[in-house]
Amino acid sequence: MRNFLSDKVTALKPSGIRKFFDIVSEMKDAISLGVGEPDFDTPWHIRDEGIYALERGRTFYTSNAGLKELREEISNYIKRTQGVCYNPDNEILVTVGGSEAIDIGLRAIINPGDEVIIPQPSYVSYEPCAVLAGAKPVIINLKAENEFRLKPDELLNTITDKTKILILPYPNNPTGAIMEREDLEVIAKIIKEKDILVMSDEIYAALTYKDKHVSIVSLDGMKERTILINGFSKAYAMTGWRLGYSCAPKEITAQMTKIHQYAIMCAPTTSQYAAVSALKKGDDDVEEMRQSYNQRRRFLLNAFKEMELECFEPYGAFYVFPCIKEFNMSSEEFATKLLMEEKVAVVPGTAFGACGEGFVRISYAYSLENLKEALSRIERFVHRLRG
């Protein structure tokens, strides 16, 4: 029998995050700091709305683009947080998580051979989605000395006549890095001069700890050049509800909706009704969780300082990205050894791109109790490595 599998798909590497998650799930007394999943329950008013939708028998398909009421609330949310107006009728699409929006957004604009610029370290799905869309991924290796921010010279040196789109992954997973207004302004100028698009993944936009998040769509001339990606998983502790959205020019949204229509039909109806409540009444819940994450963030940074483990200060998302280069071992080796010896799971930095070598990702979307025990084990491990 001949090989029926796609060469493109078989060449893709499995996610480096899931490898350690699968191991720790079967290990007694292990602590996982590897998965970016809030430890909070979905707020009750959101769950109530989902329950109410089921009780009322609202289990039908919605329109392909999503519930009109939800699209209107998404429009209101972007307007009040970024001052930008999106038409809920033709510029907003409700998707199955932000991940689907990334996938179909790339597929809607890519022709074979187009180049997609991907700053790394960054979310594991960008590069595979670009490949599956038929694009050539072009990687920019972000630097710790620049706080993992994208610098204008790095972007200029990467753009070619085949460049179609830049993926802008801020607040960043795995580093926790952010881009402030002055950073974005110089990037936006280049985007307009070189006539390319931006996919701005802002799934962690509500979880910043320095200043409020600034979206590139709020800068002059950028709304019409940007596919804005967001969702409900991180800010509202709704990972299992699988709900995200995109905001983009109507010409792009129409093509994304076409792919969504054939591949998915519509996002989960129950989740959509619940998300309306999240946007209408959830600001206080998000702020409460944000403050808790900030407390955990400061705790981890202080713990790393005390154990003399180098780590730049992240101002977004719920991850830290400590440097482990002093131990002269690969990120994979460090993470494996830590898991086997101390039963603490972290993710090798290389899961997020080759330039993540020498770092590990630690999520602080876990209780302080778990974080304290895990940090105690990590400190013991680090001291042992230092002899």
Foldseek 3Di string as FASTA:
>chain_A
DDDPDDPLVVPDDPFLLVVLVVVLVPDPPFFEQRDQFFPDDQDPLLVVLLVVCVVVVVQDFDFLQADLLLLVLVQVLCCVQQVDGFDSVFFKGKFQALLLVLLLLLLLFDDAAAEEEEEDLADLRNVSSCVVSRYHYDYQDADVVVVSADALVSVVVGDDLRYAEYEAAPVGPPALAHADPVSLVSVVVVCVVSVHAYEYECQFQLQFAPDRHHDSCSDPPHQARYWYKYFCCNLRSPVVQRIIMIGYPRVSRVSSSVVSCVPPNHRGRSSSSSVSCCSVPVPVVSVVVSVVLVVLLVVVVVLCVVLVFAWDRRGIRFKTKTFQVVLVDWLVVVQVCLCVPQSYHWGQLCSSPPSSIRIIIGGPSDDPVSVVSSSVSVSVVSVVSVD
